[in-house]
Full PDB file with SEQRES, HELIX, SHEET, SSBOND, CRYST1, ORIGX, SCALE, CONECT and MASTER records, all heavy atoms in Angstrom:
SEQRES   1 A   34  LEU GLU SER TYR TYR ASN GLU SER THR SER GLY GLY ALA          
SEQRES   2 A   34  PHE THR ARG ILE VAL LYS SER PHE PHE GLN LYS GLY PRO          
SEQRES   3 A   34  GLY ILE VAL TYR GLY ALA VAL LEU                              
HELIX    1 AA1 SER A    3  GLU A    7  5                                   5    
HELIX    2 AA2 ALA A   13  GLN A   23  1                                  11    
CRYST1    1.000    1.000    1.000  90.00  90.00  90.00 P 1           1          
ORIGX1      1.000000  0.000000  0.000000        0.00000                         
ORIGX2      0.000000  1.000000  0.000000        0.00000                         
ORIGX3      0.000000  0.000000  1.000000        0.00000                         
SCALE1      1.000000  0.000000  0.000000        0.00000                         
SCALE2      0.000000  1.000000  0.000000        0.00000                         
SCALE3      0.000000  0.000000  1.000000        0.00000                         
ATOM      1  N   LEU A   1      24.083  -5.932  31.476  1.00  0.00           N  
ATOM      2  CA  LEU A   1      23.562  -5.304  30.280  1.00  0.00           C  
ATOM      3  C   LEU A   1      23.810  -6.171  29.052  1.00  0.00           C  
ATOM      4  O   LEU A   1      23.428  -5.775  27.932  1.00  0.00           O  
ATOM      5  CB  LEU A   1      24.260  -3.927  30.081  1.00  0.00           C  
ATOM      6  CG  LEU A   1      24.017  -2.897  31.192  1.00  0.00           C  
ATOM      7  CD1 LEU A   1      24.902  -1.646  30.928  1.00  0.00           C  
ATOM      8  CD2 LEU A   1      22.573  -2.530  31.296  1.00  0.00           C  
ATOM      9  N   GLU A   2      24.434  -7.309  29.293  1.00  0.00           N  
ATOM     10  CA  GLU A   2      24.767  -8.158  28.108  1.00  0.00           C  
ATOM     11  C   GLU A   2      23.634  -9.183  27.829  1.00  0.00           C  
ATOM     12  O   GLU A   2      22.716  -9.330  28.611  1.00  0.00           O  
ATOM     13  CB  GLU A   2      26.073  -8.875  28.426  1.00  0.00           C  
ATOM     14  CG  GLU A   2      27.254  -7.917  28.563  1.00  0.00           C  
ATOM     15  CD  GLU A   2      28.590  -8.669  28.636  1.00  0.00           C  
ATOM     16  OE1 GLU A   2      28.863  -9.468  27.718  1.00  0.00           O  
ATOM     17  OE2 GLU A   2      29.324  -8.428  29.604  1.00  0.00           O  
ATOM     18  N   SER A   3      23.775  -9.840  26.677  1.00  0.00           N  
ATOM     19  CA  SER A   3      22.696 -10.705  26.198  1.00  0.00           C  
ATOM     20  C   SER A   3      22.430 -11.879  27.156  1.00  0.00           C  
ATOM     21  O   SER A   3      21.294 -12.396  27.178  1.00  0.00           O  
ATOM     22  CB  SER A   3      23.061 -11.262  24.815  1.00  0.00           C  
ATOM     23  OG  SER A   3      24.274 -11.979  24.838  1.00  0.00           O  
ATOM     24  N   TYR A   4      23.411 -12.299  27.886  1.00  0.00           N  
ATOM     25  CA  TYR A   4      23.207 -13.417  28.752  1.00  0.00           C  
ATOM     26  C   TYR A   4      22.248 -13.136  29.941  1.00  0.00           C  
ATOM     27  O   TYR A   4      21.815 -14.049  30.645  1.00  0.00           O  
ATOM     28  CB  TYR A   4      24.517 -14.053  29.303  1.00  0.00           C  
ATOM     29  CG  TYR A   4      25.438 -13.084  30.052  1.00  0.00           C  
ATOM     30  CD1 TYR A   4      25.071 -12.542  31.280  1.00  0.00           C  
ATOM     31  CD2 TYR A   4      26.677 -12.776  29.534  1.00  0.00           C  
ATOM     32  CE1 TYR A   4      25.909 -11.718  32.012  1.00  0.00           C  
ATOM     33  CE2 TYR A   4      27.542 -11.914  30.236  1.00  0.00           C  
ATOM     34  CZ  TYR A   4      27.133 -11.385  31.477  1.00  0.00           C  
ATOM     35  OH  TYR A   4      27.961 -10.569  32.147  1.00  0.00           O  
ATOM     36  N   TYR A   5      21.881 -11.871  30.101  1.00  0.00           N  
ATOM     37  CA  TYR A   5      20.899 -11.528  31.117  1.00  0.00           C  
ATOM     38  C   TYR A   5      19.596 -12.272  30.903  1.00  0.00           C  
ATOM     39  O   TYR A   5      18.964 -12.778  31.804  1.00  0.00           O  
ATOM     40  CB  TYR A   5      20.651 -10.000  31.125  1.00  0.00           C  
ATOM     41  CG  TYR A   5      19.388  -9.625  31.879  1.00  0.00           C  
ATOM     42  CD1 TYR A   5      19.359  -9.577  33.265  1.00  0.00           C  
ATOM     43  CD2 TYR A   5      18.243  -9.299  31.161  1.00  0.00           C  
ATOM     44  CE1 TYR A   5      18.203  -9.224  33.925  1.00  0.00           C  
ATOM     45  CE2 TYR A   5      17.070  -8.943  31.831  1.00  0.00           C  
ATOM     46  CZ  TYR A   5      17.093  -8.923  33.207  1.00  0.00           C  
ATOM     47  OH  TYR A   5      15.943  -8.571  33.871  1.00  0.00           O  
ATOM     48  N   ASN A   6      19.172 -12.343  29.576  1.00  0.00           N  
ATOM     49  CA  ASN A   6      17.899 -12.979  29.266  1.00  0.00           C  
ATOM     50  C   ASN A   6      17.946 -14.480  29.487  1.00  0.00           C  
ATOM     51  O   ASN A   6      16.890 -15.121  29.607  1.00  0.00           O  
ATOM     52  CB  ASN A   6      17.516 -12.684  27.826  1.00  0.00           C  
ATOM     53  CG  ASN A   6      17.221 -11.242  27.556  1.00  0.00           C  
ATOM     54  OD1 ASN A   6      16.599 -10.612  28.424  1.00  0.00           O  
ATOM     55  ND2 ASN A   6      17.625 -10.717  26.434  1.00  0.00           N  
ATOM     56  N   GLU A   7      19.130 -15.068  29.590  1.00  0.00           N  
ATOM     57  CA  GLU A   7      19.275 -16.495  29.799  1.00  0.00           C  
ATOM     58  C   GLU A   7      19.554 -16.813  31.256  1.00  0.00           C  
ATOM     59  O   GLU A   7      19.876 -17.969  31.587  1.00  0.00           O  
ATOM     60  CB  GLU A   7      20.389 -17.067  28.926  1.00  0.00           C  
ATOM     61  CG  GLU A   7      20.123 -16.878  27.395  1.00  0.00           C  
ATOM     62  CD  GLU A   7      18.814 -17.508  26.965  1.00  0.00           C  
ATOM     63  OE1 GLU A   7      18.496 -18.605  27.468  1.00  0.00           O  
ATOM     64  OE2 GLU A   7      18.101 -16.900  26.148  1.00  0.00           O  
ATOM     65  N   SER A   8      19.467 -15.816  32.117  1.00  0.00           N  
ATOM     66  CA  SER A   8      19.747 -16.017  33.546  1.00  0.00           C  
ATOM     67  C   SER A   8      18.434 -15.833  34.309  1.00  0.00           C  
ATOM     68  O   SER A   8      17.485 -15.235  33.858  1.00  0.00           O  
ATOM     69  CB  SER A   8      20.737 -14.942  34.009  1.00  0.00           C  
ATOM     70  OG  SER A   8      21.974 -15.048  33.310  1.00  0.00           O  
ATOM     71  N   THR A   9      18.412 -16.431  35.515  1.00  0.00           N  
ATOM     72  CA  THR A   9      17.200 -16.347  36.321  1.00  0.00           C  
ATOM     73  C   THR A   9      16.945 -14.953  36.826  1.00  0.00           C  
ATOM     74  O   THR A   9      15.776 -14.469  36.758  1.00  0.00           O  
ATOM     75  CB  THR A   9      17.325 -17.317  37.563  1.00  0.00           C  
ATOM     76  OG1 THR A   9      17.416 -18.660  37.076  1.00  0.00           O  
ATOM     77  CG2 THR A   9      16.096 -17.176  38.452  1.00  0.00           C  
ATOM     78  N   SER A  10      17.954 -14.271  37.288  1.00  0.00           N  
ATOM     79  CA  SER A  10      17.746 -12.900  37.792  1.00  0.00           C  
ATOM     80  C   SER A  10      18.620 -11.919  37.002  1.00  0.00           C  
ATOM     81  O   SER A  10      18.313 -11.592  35.877  1.00  0.00           O  
ATOM     82  CB  SER A  10      18.017 -12.861  39.315  1.00  0.00           C  
ATOM     83  OG  SER A  10      19.217 -13.449  39.662  1.00  0.00           O  
ATOM     84  N   GLY A  11      19.701 -11.432  37.642  1.00  0.00           N  
ATOM     85  CA  GLY A  11      20.469 -10.356  36.987  1.00  0.00           C  
ATOM     86  C   GLY A  11      21.707 -10.766  36.262  1.00  0.00           C  
ATOM     87  O   GLY A  11      22.404  -9.954  35.713  1.00  0.00           O  
ATOM     88  N   GLY A  12      22.001 -12.069  36.195  1.00  0.00           N  
ATOM     89  CA  GLY A  12      23.167 -12.532  35.518  1.00  0.00           C  
ATOM     90  C   GLY A  12      24.473 -12.466  36.308  1.00  0.00           C  
ATOM     91  O   GLY A  12      25.605 -12.470  35.747  1.00  0.00           O  
ATOM     92  N   ALA A  13      24.375 -12.371  37.631  1.00  0.00           N  
ATOM     93  CA  ALA A  13      25.566 -12.210  38.448  1.00  0.00           C  
ATOM     94  C   ALA A  13      26.512 -13.464  38.373  1.00  0.00           C  
ATOM     95  O   ALA A  13      27.704 -13.301  38.437  1.00  0.00           O  
ATOM     96  CB  ALA A  13      25.228 -11.969  39.919  1.00  0.00           C  
ATOM     97  N   PHE A  14      25.952 -14.602  38.288  1.00  0.00           N  
ATOM     98  CA  PHE A  14      26.800 -15.796  38.248  1.00  0.00           C  
ATOM     99  C   PHE A  14      27.716 -15.759  37.020  1.00  0.00           C  
ATOM    100  O   PHE A  14      28.916 -16.116  37.077  1.00  0.00           O  
ATOM    101  CB  PHE A  14      25.981 -17.111  38.251  1.00  0.00           C  
ATOM    102  CG  PHE A  14      26.808 -18.359  38.102  1.00  0.00           C  
ATOM    103  CD1 PHE A  14      27.499 -18.863  39.181  1.00  0.00           C  
ATOM    104  CD2 PHE A  14      26.917 -19.026  36.900  1.00  0.00           C  
ATOM    105  CE1 PHE A  14      28.288 -19.966  39.091  1.00  0.00           C  
ATOM    106  CE2 PHE A  14      27.707 -20.154  36.796  1.00  0.00           C  
ATOM    107  CZ  PHE A  14      28.374 -20.627  37.898  1.00  0.00           C  
ATOM    108  N   THR A  15      27.165 -15.346  35.874  1.00  0.00           N  
ATOM    109  CA  THR A  15      27.990 -15.235  34.681  1.00  0.00           C  
ATOM    110  C   THR A  15      29.078 -14.201  34.850  1.00  0.00           C  
ATOM    111  O   THR A  15      30.187 -14.411  34.393  1.00  0.00           O  
ATOM    112  CB  THR A  15      27.098 -14.914  33.464  1.00  0.00           C  
ATOM    113  OG1 THR A  15      26.033 -15.896  33.331  1.00  0.00           O  
ATOM    114  CG2 THR A  15      27.904 -14.902  32.210  1.00  0.00           C  
ATOM    115  N   ARG A  16      28.768 -13.136  35.519  1.00  0.00           N  
ATOM    116  CA  ARG A  16      29.807 -12.131  35.807  1.00  0.00           C  
ATOM    117  C   ARG A  16      30.925 -12.755  36.646  1.00  0.00           C  
ATOM    118  O   ARG A  16      32.140 -12.507  36.411  1.00  0.00           O  
ATOM    119  CB  ARG A  16      29.259 -10.927  36.563  1.00  0.00           C  
ATOM    120  CG  ARG A  16      30.333  -9.935  37.033  1.00  0.00           C  
ATOM    121  CD  ARG A  16      29.726  -8.877  37.942  1.00  0.00           C  
ATOM    122  NE  ARG A  16      30.856  -8.177  38.645  1.00  0.00           N  
ATOM    123  CZ  ARG A  16      31.370  -7.008  38.259  1.00  0.00           C  
ATOM    124  NH1 ARG A  16      30.867  -6.385  37.196  1.00  0.00           N  
ATOM    125  NH2 ARG A  16      32.313  -6.434  38.937  1.00  0.00           N  
ATOM    126  N   ILE A  17      30.558 -13.557  37.613  1.00  0.00           N  
ATOM    127  CA  ILE A  17      31.541 -14.160  38.511  1.00  0.00           C  
ATOM    128  C   ILE A  17      32.473 -15.117  37.741  1.00  0.00           C  
ATOM    129  O   ILE A  17      33.705 -15.057  37.914  1.00  0.00           O  
ATOM    130  CB  ILE A  17      30.851 -14.891  39.696  1.00  0.00           C  
ATOM    131  CG1 ILE A  17      30.225 -13.849  40.610  1.00  0.00           C  
ATOM    132  CG2 ILE A  17      31.821 -15.792  40.450  1.00  0.00           C  
ATOM    133  CD1 ILE A  17      29.267 -14.443  41.603  1.00  0.00           C  
ATOM    134  N   VAL A  18      31.916 -16.010  36.920  1.00  0.00           N  
ATOM    135  CA  VAL A  18      32.744 -16.922  36.187  1.00  0.00           C  
ATOM    136  C   VAL A  18      33.550 -16.219  35.094  1.00  0.00           C  
ATOM    137  O   VAL A  18      34.661 -16.609  34.777  1.00  0.00           O  
ATOM    138  CB  VAL A  18      31.943 -18.109  35.567  1.00  0.00           C  
ATOM    139  CG1 VAL A  18      31.372 -18.952  36.713  1.00  0.00           C  
ATOM    140  CG2 VAL A  18      30.877 -17.647  34.670  1.00  0.00           C  
ATOM    141  N   LYS A  19      33.024 -15.116  34.595  1.00  0.00           N  
ATOM    142  CA  LYS A  19      33.777 -14.284  33.629  1.00  0.00           C  
ATOM    143  C   LYS A  19      35.004 -13.719  34.307  1.00  0.00           C  
ATOM    144  O   LYS A  19      36.107 -13.789  33.784  1.00  0.00           O  
ATOM    145  CB  LYS A  19      32.859 -13.181  33.143  1.00  0.00           C  
ATOM    146  CG  LYS A  19      33.529 -12.191  32.178  1.00  0.00           C  
ATOM    147  CD  LYS A  19      32.566 -11.105  31.778  1.00  0.00           C  
ATOM    148  CE  LYS A  19      33.194 -10.074  30.893  1.00  0.00           C  
ATOM    149  NZ  LYS A  19      32.230  -9.006  30.526  1.00  0.00           N  
ATOM    150  N   SER A  20      34.817 -13.214  35.557  1.00  0.00           N  
ATOM    151  CA  SER A  20      35.900 -12.675  36.316  1.00  0.00           C  
ATOM    152  C   SER A  20      36.952 -13.793  36.625  1.00  0.00           C  
ATOM    153  O   SER A  20      38.148 -13.598  36.519  1.00  0.00           O  
ATOM    154  CB  SER A  20      35.405 -12.056  37.586  1.00  0.00           C  
ATOM    155  OG  SER A  20      36.469 -11.737  38.483  1.00  0.00           O  
ATOM    156  N   PHE A  21      36.412 -14.936  36.955  1.00  0.00           N  
ATOM    157  CA  PHE A  21      37.270 -16.072  37.327  1.00  0.00           C  
ATOM    158  C   PHE A  21      38.189 -16.494  36.148  1.00  0.00           C  
ATOM    159  O   PHE A  21      39.401 -16.669  36.295  1.00  0.00           O  
ATOM    160  CB  PHE A  21      36.393 -17.273  37.712  1.00  0.00           C  
ATOM    161  CG  PHE A  21      37.113 -18.552  38.036  1.00  0.00           C  
ATOM    162  CD1 PHE A  21      37.785 -18.694  39.226  1.00  0.00           C  
ATOM    163  CD2 PHE A  21      37.116 -19.584  37.135  1.00  0.00           C  
ATOM    164  CE1 PHE A  21      38.457 -19.859  39.540  1.00  0.00           C  
ATOM    165  CE2 PHE A  21      37.806 -20.771  37.417  1.00  0.00           C  
ATOM    166  CZ  PHE A  21      38.464 -20.901  38.629  1.00  0.00           C  
ATOM    167  N   PHE A  22      37.608 -16.612  34.939  1.00  0.00           N  
ATOM    168  CA  PHE A  22      38.429 -17.030  33.789  1.00  0.00           C  
ATOM    169  C   PHE A  22      39.307 -15.906  33.248  1.00  0.00           C  
ATOM    170  O   PHE A  22      40.317 -16.211  32.601  1.00  0.00           O  
ATOM    171  CB  PHE A  22      37.509 -17.541  32.687  1.00  0.00           C  
ATOM    172  CG  PHE A  22      37.026 -18.955  32.903  1.00  0.00           C  
ATOM    173  CD1 PHE A  22      35.665 -19.221  33.151  1.00  0.00           C  
ATOM    174  CD2 PHE A  22      37.911 -20.007  32.861  1.00  0.00           C  
ATOM    175  CE1 PHE A  22      35.220 -20.511  33.352  1.00  0.00           C  
ATOM    176  CE2 PHE A  22      37.502 -21.302  33.078  1.00  0.00           C  
ATOM    177  CZ  PHE A  22      36.140 -21.605  33.307  1.00  0.00           C  
ATOM    178  N   GLN A  23      38.951 -14.667  33.518  1.00  0.00           N  
ATOM    179  CA  GLN A  23      39.830 -13.600  33.068  1.00  0.00           C  
ATOM    180  C   GLN A  23      41.144 -13.554  33.858  1.00  0.00           C  
ATOM    181  O   GLN A  23      42.142 -12.973  33.409  1.00  0.00           O  
ATOM    182  CB  GLN A  23      39.115 -12.229  33.182  1.00  0.00           C  
ATOM    183  CG  GLN A  23      38.117 -11.989  32.052  1.00  0.00           C  
ATOM    184  CD  GLN A  23      37.540 -10.588  32.016  1.00  0.00           C  
ATOM    185  OE1 GLN A  23      37.677  -9.871  32.972  1.00  0.00           O  
ATOM    186  NE2 GLN A  23      36.987 -10.213  30.892  1.00  0.00           N  
ATOM    187  N   LYS A  24      41.152 -14.204  34.977  1.00  0.00           N  
ATOM    188  CA  LYS A  24      42.401 -14.321  35.796  1.00  0.00           C  
ATOM    189  C   LYS A  24      43.302 -15.449  35.284  1.00  0.00           C  
ATOM    190  O   LYS A  24      44.413 -15.541  35.754  1.00  0.00           O  
ATOM    191  CB  LYS A  24      42.058 -14.522  37.243  1.00  0.00           C  
ATOM    192  CG  LYS A  24      41.462 -13.322  37.915  1.00  0.00           C  
ATOM    193  CD  LYS A  24      41.253 -13.573  39.412  1.00  0.00           C  
ATOM    194  CE  LYS A  24      40.722 -12.364  40.127  1.00  0.00           C  
ATOM    195  NZ  LYS A  24      40.529 -12.607  41.568  1.00  0.00           N  
ATOM    196  N   GLY A  25      42.782 -16.257  34.407  1.00  0.00           N  
ATOM    197  CA  GLY A  25      43.575 -17.387  33.894  1.00  0.00           C  
ATOM    198  C   GLY A  25      42.816 -18.654  33.819  1.00  0.00           C  
ATOM    199  O   GLY A  25      41.589 -18.675  34.146  1.00  0.00           O  
ATOM    200  N   PRO A  26      43.436 -19.703  33.371  1.00  0.00           N  
ATOM    201  CA  PRO A  26      42.785 -21.015  33.255  1.00  0.00           C  
ATOM    202  C   PRO A  26      42.239 -21.492  34.606  1.00  0.00           C  
ATOM    203  O   PRO A  26      42.772 -21.177  35.640  1.00  0.00           O  
ATOM    204  CB  PRO A  26      43.867 -21.978  32.745  1.00  0.00           C  
ATOM    205  CG  PRO A  26      44.865 -21.058  32.133  1.00  0.00           C  
ATOM    206  CD  PRO A  26      44.853 -19.788  32.921  1.00  0.00           C  
ATOM    207  N   GLY A  27      41.138 -22.243  34.552  1.00  0.00           N  
ATOM    208  CA  GLY A  27      40.571 -22.778  35.767  1.00  0.00           C  
ATOM    209  C   GLY A  27      39.477 -23.802  35.443  1.00  0.00           C  
ATOM    210  O   GLY A  27      39.187 -24.057  34.293  1.00  0.00           O  
ATOM    211  N   ILE A  28      38.903 -24.315  36.522  1.00  0.00           N  
ATOM    212  CA  ILE A  28      37.847 -25.333  36.422  1.00  0.00           C  
ATOM    213  C   ILE A  28      36.628 -24.821  37.204  1.00  0.00           C  
ATOM    214  O   ILE A  28      36.753 -24.299  38.331  1.00  0.00           O  
ATOM    215  CB  ILE A  28      38.276 -26.682  37.002  1.00  0.00           C  
ATOM    216  CG1 ILE A  28      39.529 -27.165  36.308  1.00  0.00           C  
ATOM    217  CG2 ILE A  28      37.146 -27.692  36.844  1.00  0.00           C  
ATOM    218  CD1 ILE A  28      39.394 -27.437  34.807  1.00  0.00           C  
ATOM    219  N   VAL A  29      35.432 -24.940  36.620  1.00  0.00           N  
ATOM    220  CA  VAL A  29      34.185 -24.562  37.270  1.00  0.00           C  
ATOM    221  C   VAL A  29      33.255 -25.747  37.419  1.00  0.00           C  
ATOM    222  O   VAL A  29      33.074 -26.517  36.439  1.00  0.00           O  
ATOM    223  CB  VAL A  29      33.495 -23.405  36.497  1.00  0.00           C  
ATOM    224  CG1 VAL A  29      32.125 -23.046  37.156  1.00  0.00           C  
ATOM    225  CG2 VAL A  29      34.366 -22.147  36.475  1.00  0.00           C  
ATOM    226  N   TYR A  30      32.687 -25.882  38.587  1.00  0.00           N  
ATOM    227  CA  TYR A  30      31.654 -26.941  38.852  1.00  0.00           C  
ATOM    228  C   TYR A  30      30.343 -26.308  39.114  1.00  0.00           C  
ATOM    229  O   TYR A  30      30.264 -25.272  39.895  1.00  0.00           O  
ATOM    230  CB  TYR A  30      32.071 -27.791  40.031  1.00  0.00           C  
ATOM    231  CG  TYR A  30      33.272 -28.681  39.807  1.00  0.00           C  
ATOM    232  CD1 TYR A  30      34.582 -28.172  40.001  1.00  0.00           C  
ATOM    233  CD2 TYR A  30      33.129 -29.993  39.386  1.00  0.00           C  
ATOM    234  CE1 TYR A  30      35.684 -29.008  39.787  1.00  0.00           C  
ATOM    235  CE2 TYR A  30      34.208 -30.816  39.192  1.00  0.00           C  
ATOM    236  CZ  TYR A  30      35.487 -30.311  39.380  1.00  0.00           C  
ATOM    237  OH  TYR A  30      36.595 -31.133  39.173  1.00  0.00           O  
ATOM    238  N   GLY A  31      29.241 -26.818  38.550  1.00  0.00           N  
ATOM    239  CA  GLY A  31      27.942 -26.311  38.822  1.00  0.00           C  
ATOM    240  C   GLY A  31      26.884 -27.263  38.427  1.00  0.00           C  
ATOM    241  O   GLY A  31      27.132 -28.342  37.893  1.00  0.00           O  
ATOM    242  N   ALA A  32      25.592 -26.899  38.744  1.00  0.00           N  
ATOM    243  CA  ALA A  32      24.508 -27.840  38.497  1.00  0.00           C  
ATOM    244  C   ALA A  32      23.926 -27.629  37.091  1.00  0.00           C  
ATOM    245  O   ALA A  32      23.733 -26.496  36.608  1.00  0.00           O  
ATOM    246  CB  ALA A  32      23.395 -27.586  39.524  1.00  0.00           C  
ATOM    247  N   VAL A  33      23.705 -28.743  36.386  1.00  0.00           N  
ATOM    248  CA  VAL A  33      23.136 -28.693  35.060  1.00  0.00           C  
ATOM    249  C   VAL A  33      21.873 -29.593  35.033  1.00  0.00           C  
ATOM    250  O   VAL A  33      21.725 -30.537  35.821  1.00  0.00           O  
ATOM    251  CB  VAL A  33      24.117 -29.213  34.003  1.00  0.00           C  
ATOM    252  CG1 VAL A  33      25.421 -28.405  34.040  1.00  0.00           C  
ATOM    253  CG2 VAL A  33      24.468 -30.693  34.192  1.00  0.00           C  
ATOM    254  N   LEU A  34      20.970 -29.283  34.081  1.00  0.00           N  
ATOM    255  CA  LEU A  34      19.880 -30.136  33.757  1.00  0.00           C  
ATOM    256  C   LEU A  34      20.260 -30.857  32.451  1.00  0.00           C  
ATOM    257  O   LEU A  34      20.287 -30.231  31.383  1.00  0.00           O  
ATOM    258  CB  LEU A  34      18.590 -29.326  33.574  1.00  0.00           C  
ATOM    259  CG  LEU A  34      17.305 -30.104  33.220  1.00  0.00           C  
ATOM    260  CD1 LEU A  34      16.920 -31.018  34.410  1.00  0.00           C  
ATOM    261  CD2 LEU A  34      16.171 -29.180  32.893  1.00  0.00           C  
TER     262      LEU A  34                                                      
MASTER        0    0    0    2    0    0    0    6  261    1    0    3          
END                                                                             
C-alpha cells in the first residue's frame, strides 16, 4: 500500500523483503541494477 508499489514491477514484495531484512539489523544486499 506504500508509494514504492508504483516503482515496482508487480506488488512490491521485494521491497517488503529487504525492509524486513534491514529491520533486523545491519546487513548487505546484492541485486541486479541497470
